[in-house]
Amino acid sequence: MSEVENVSDKRILPTFLLFIVLSWPLGAHRFFLKRYASAILFIITIGGCGIWWIIDFILIVTGSMKDDHGKVVKIWVD
């Protein structure tokens, strides 16, 4: 699979904004990326007791977070 095929059509900016504003109560960034099971676990475990929150922050900012198809969310804006 080439590098272009492995890049998600989702963007980092909305993912990051949802993460900052609604990650603790709702895990909204994971719902946005259609990662529903992990979003529900994020809510139930309160962000993995903060560990998932830190990991997600690093993954989003570095462009390493993946969507539901395993594609990397790498582009900030169009």
N, C-alpha and C. Protein backbone atom coordinates (compact mmCIF):
# COMPACT_ATOMS: atom_id res chain seq x y z
N MET A 1 0.85 -1.18 0.00
CA MET A 1 0.00 0.00 0.00
C MET A 1 0.90 1.24 0.00
N SER A 2 0.61 2.17 -0.90
CA SER A 2 1.44 3.37 -0.98
C SER A 2 1.09 4.35 0.15
N GLU A 3 1.95 5.33 0.32
CA GLU A 3 1.77 6.32 1.39
C GLU A 3 0.47 7.10 1.22
N VAL A 4 0.10 7.43 -0.01
CA VAL A 4 -1.11 8.21 -0.28
C VAL A 4 -2.36 7.40 0.07
N GLU A 5 -2.35 6.11 -0.19
CA GLU A 5 -3.49 5.26 0.10
C GLU A 5 -3.69 5.06 1.59
N ASN A 6 -2.64 5.27 2.38
CA ASN A 6 -2.70 5.04 3.82
C ASN A 6 -3.06 6.29 4.60
N VAL A 7 -3.39 7.40 3.92
CA VAL A 7 -3.74 8.65 4.59
C VAL A 7 -5.26 8.79 4.63
N SER A 8 -5.79 9.09 5.80
CA SER A 8 -7.23 9.23 6.00
C SER A 8 -7.77 10.50 5.35
N ASP A 9 -9.06 10.49 5.03
CA ASP A 9 -9.70 11.70 4.52
C ASP A 9 -10.12 12.62 5.66
N LYS A 10 -10.01 12.15 6.90
CA LYS A 10 -10.27 12.99 8.08
C LYS A 10 -9.08 13.93 8.28
N ARG A 11 -9.32 15.06 8.95
CA ARG A 11 -8.27 16.05 9.16
C ARG A 11 -7.90 16.14 10.64
N ILE A 12 -6.68 16.57 10.90
CA ILE A 12 -6.20 16.67 12.28
C ILE A 12 -6.88 17.80 13.03
N LEU A 13 -7.09 18.95 12.40
CA LEU A 13 -7.64 20.12 13.10
C LEU A 13 -8.98 19.83 13.78
N PRO A 14 -9.99 19.30 13.07
CA PRO A 14 -11.24 19.01 13.78
C PRO A 14 -11.07 17.91 14.84
N THR A 15 -10.22 16.94 14.55
CA THR A 15 -9.94 15.89 15.54
C THR A 15 -9.33 16.50 16.79
N PHE A 16 -8.37 17.39 16.61
CA PHE A 16 -7.69 18.04 17.74
C PHE A 16 -8.65 18.92 18.53
N LEU A 17 -9.49 19.69 17.83
CA LEU A 17 -10.44 20.57 18.52
C LEU A 17 -11.47 19.77 19.32
N LEU A 18 -11.96 18.68 18.74
CA LEU A 18 -12.88 17.81 19.48
C LEU A 18 -12.18 17.19 20.69
N PHE A 19 -10.93 16.83 20.50
CA PHE A 19 -10.15 16.26 21.61
C PHE A 19 -10.02 17.26 22.75
N ILE A 20 -9.66 18.49 22.44
CA ILE A 20 -9.46 19.51 23.47
C ILE A 20 -10.77 19.87 24.17
N VAL A 21 -11.85 20.04 23.41
CA VAL A 21 -13.10 20.52 23.97
C VAL A 21 -13.95 19.41 24.60
N LEU A 22 -14.03 18.26 23.96
CA LEU A 22 -14.99 17.23 24.40
C LEU A 22 -14.38 15.85 24.68
N SER A 23 -13.08 15.76 24.88
CA SER A 23 -12.51 14.43 25.07
C SER A 23 -12.85 13.83 26.42
N TRP A 24 -12.76 14.61 27.50
CA TRP A 24 -13.04 14.03 28.82
C TRP A 24 -14.48 13.57 28.97
N PRO A 25 -15.46 14.41 28.68
CA PRO A 25 -16.81 13.90 28.92
C PRO A 25 -17.30 12.91 27.86
N LEU A 26 -16.84 13.04 26.61
CA LEU A 26 -17.47 12.27 25.54
C LEU A 26 -16.53 11.44 24.66
N GLY A 27 -15.25 11.67 24.68
CA GLY A 27 -14.35 10.96 23.77
C GLY A 27 -14.71 11.28 22.32
N ALA A 28 -15.14 12.52 22.09
CA ALA A 28 -15.69 12.92 20.79
C ALA A 28 -14.72 12.73 19.64
N HIS A 29 -13.44 12.90 19.88
CA HIS A 29 -12.46 12.74 18.79
C HIS A 29 -12.46 11.30 18.27
N ARG A 30 -12.67 10.33 19.14
CA ARG A 30 -12.72 8.93 18.71
C ARG A 30 -14.02 8.64 17.96
N PHE A 31 -15.13 9.24 18.37
CA PHE A 31 -16.37 9.10 17.62
C PHE A 31 -16.23 9.73 16.24
N PHE A 32 -15.56 10.89 16.15
CA PHE A 32 -15.33 11.56 14.88
C PHE A 32 -14.54 10.66 13.92
N LEU A 33 -13.60 9.90 14.45
CA LEU A 33 -12.79 9.00 13.63
C LEU A 33 -13.47 7.64 13.43
N LYS A 34 -14.71 7.53 13.90
CA LYS A 34 -15.54 6.32 13.79
C LYS A 34 -14.92 5.12 14.50
N ARG A 35 -14.24 5.39 15.61
CA ARG A 35 -13.68 4.33 16.44
C ARG A 35 -14.59 4.18 17.65
N TYR A 36 -15.79 3.66 17.40
CA TYR A 36 -16.86 3.66 18.38
C TYR A 36 -16.55 2.83 19.62
N ALA A 37 -16.02 1.64 19.45
CA ALA A 37 -15.74 0.78 20.61
C ALA A 37 -14.72 1.44 21.54
N SER A 38 -13.65 1.97 20.97
CA SER A 38 -12.64 2.61 21.81
C SER A 38 -13.16 3.92 22.39
N ALA A 39 -14.09 4.58 21.71
CA ALA A 39 -14.69 5.81 22.25
C ALA A 39 -15.51 5.50 23.49
N ILE A 40 -16.27 4.42 23.44
CA ILE A 40 -17.06 4.03 24.60
C ILE A 40 -16.15 3.62 25.75
N LEU A 41 -15.10 2.88 25.46
CA LEU A 41 -14.14 2.52 26.51
C LEU A 41 -13.45 3.75 27.07
N PHE A 42 -13.18 4.73 26.22
CA PHE A 42 -12.57 5.98 26.65
C PHE A 42 -13.46 6.66 27.68
N ILE A 43 -14.78 6.67 27.42
CA ILE A 43 -15.73 7.29 28.34
C ILE A 43 -15.80 6.50 29.65
N ILE A 44 -15.97 5.19 29.55
CA ILE A 44 -16.14 4.35 30.73
C ILE A 44 -14.92 4.40 31.65
N THR A 45 -13.72 4.41 31.06
CA THR A 45 -12.49 4.38 31.87
C THR A 45 -11.96 5.78 32.17
N ILE A 46 -12.74 6.80 31.81
CA ILE A 46 -12.32 8.20 31.97
C ILE A 46 -10.95 8.42 31.33
N GLY A 47 -10.91 8.08 30.06
CA GLY A 47 -9.68 8.27 29.30
C GLY A 47 -8.56 7.36 29.77
N GLY A 48 -8.93 6.14 30.18
CA GLY A 48 -7.90 5.22 30.67
C GLY A 48 -7.18 5.80 31.87
N CYS A 49 -7.97 6.44 32.74
CA CYS A 49 -7.42 7.12 33.94
C CYS A 49 -6.39 8.18 33.55
N GLY A 50 -6.60 8.79 32.40
CA GLY A 50 -5.72 9.87 31.95
C GLY A 50 -4.61 9.41 31.02
N ILE A 51 -4.33 8.11 31.00
CA ILE A 51 -3.24 7.60 30.16
C ILE A 51 -3.60 7.69 28.69
N TRP A 52 -4.82 7.27 28.32
CA TRP A 52 -5.25 7.38 26.93
C TRP A 52 -5.29 8.82 26.49
N TRP A 53 -5.65 9.71 27.40
CA TRP A 53 -5.72 11.13 27.06
C TRP A 53 -4.35 11.64 26.63
N ILE A 54 -3.33 11.29 27.37
CA ILE A 54 -1.95 11.70 27.04
C ILE A 54 -1.51 11.07 25.73
N ILE A 55 -1.77 9.78 25.58
CA ILE A 55 -1.37 9.07 24.36
C ILE A 55 -2.09 9.66 23.15
N ASP A 56 -3.40 9.90 23.25
CA ASP A 56 -4.15 10.47 22.13
C ASP A 56 -3.64 11.86 21.78
N PHE A 57 -3.31 12.66 22.77
CA PHE A 57 -2.76 13.99 22.50
C PHE A 57 -1.50 13.88 21.65
N ILE A 58 -0.60 13.00 22.05
CA ILE A 58 0.66 12.82 21.31
C ILE A 58 0.38 12.30 19.90
N LEU A 59 -0.50 11.31 19.79
CA LEU A 59 -0.82 10.74 18.47
C LEU A 59 -1.44 11.78 17.54
N ILE A 60 -2.34 12.59 18.05
CA ILE A 60 -3.00 13.60 17.21
C ILE A 60 -2.01 14.66 16.76
N VAL A 61 -1.24 15.20 17.69
CA VAL A 61 -0.32 16.29 17.36
C VAL A 61 0.78 15.84 16.40
N THR A 62 1.24 14.60 16.52
CA THR A 62 2.30 14.11 15.64
C THR A 62 1.77 13.55 14.32
N GLY A 63 0.44 13.51 14.16
CA GLY A 63 -0.14 13.00 12.92
C GLY A 63 -0.06 11.48 12.83
N SER A 64 -0.18 10.81 13.96
CA SER A 64 -0.08 9.35 13.99
C SER A 64 -1.39 8.65 14.36
N MET A 65 -2.43 9.41 14.68
CA MET A 65 -3.72 8.84 15.06
C MET A 65 -4.33 8.17 13.83
N LYS A 66 -5.02 7.05 14.04
CA LYS A 66 -5.62 6.32 12.93
C LYS A 66 -7.14 6.35 13.02
N ASP A 67 -7.77 6.29 11.84
CA ASP A 67 -9.23 6.25 11.80
C ASP A 67 -9.71 4.80 11.87
N ASP A 68 -10.99 4.58 11.59
CA ASP A 68 -11.57 3.24 11.71
C ASP A 68 -11.07 2.26 10.66
N HIS A 69 -10.48 2.74 9.59
CA HIS A 69 -9.93 1.87 8.55
C HIS A 69 -8.42 1.66 8.70
N GLY A 70 -7.86 2.18 9.78
CA GLY A 70 -6.43 2.04 10.02
C GLY A 70 -5.59 3.02 9.22
N LYS A 71 -6.24 4.02 8.63
CA LYS A 71 -5.52 5.04 7.87
C LYS A 71 -5.09 6.16 8.82
N VAL A 72 -3.93 6.72 8.57
CA VAL A 72 -3.36 7.74 9.44
C VAL A 72 -4.00 9.10 9.16
N VAL A 73 -4.40 9.79 10.23
CA VAL A 73 -4.94 11.15 10.13
C VAL A 73 -3.72 12.08 10.16
N LYS A 74 -3.29 12.49 8.97
CA LYS A 74 -2.00 13.14 8.84
C LYS A 74 -2.05 14.58 8.36
N ILE A 75 -3.14 15.00 7.77
CA ILE A 75 -3.24 16.33 7.16
C ILE A 75 -4.02 17.26 8.11
N TRP A 76 -3.47 18.44 8.40
CA TRP A 76 -4.13 19.38 9.32
C TRP A 76 -5.37 19.99 8.72
N VAL A 77 -5.26 20.60 7.55
CA VAL A 77 -6.40 21.23 6.86
C VAL A 77 -6.25 21.01 5.36
N ASP A 78 -7.32 21.26 4.63
CA ASP A 78 -7.27 21.13 3.16
C ASP A 78 -6.51 22.26 2.53
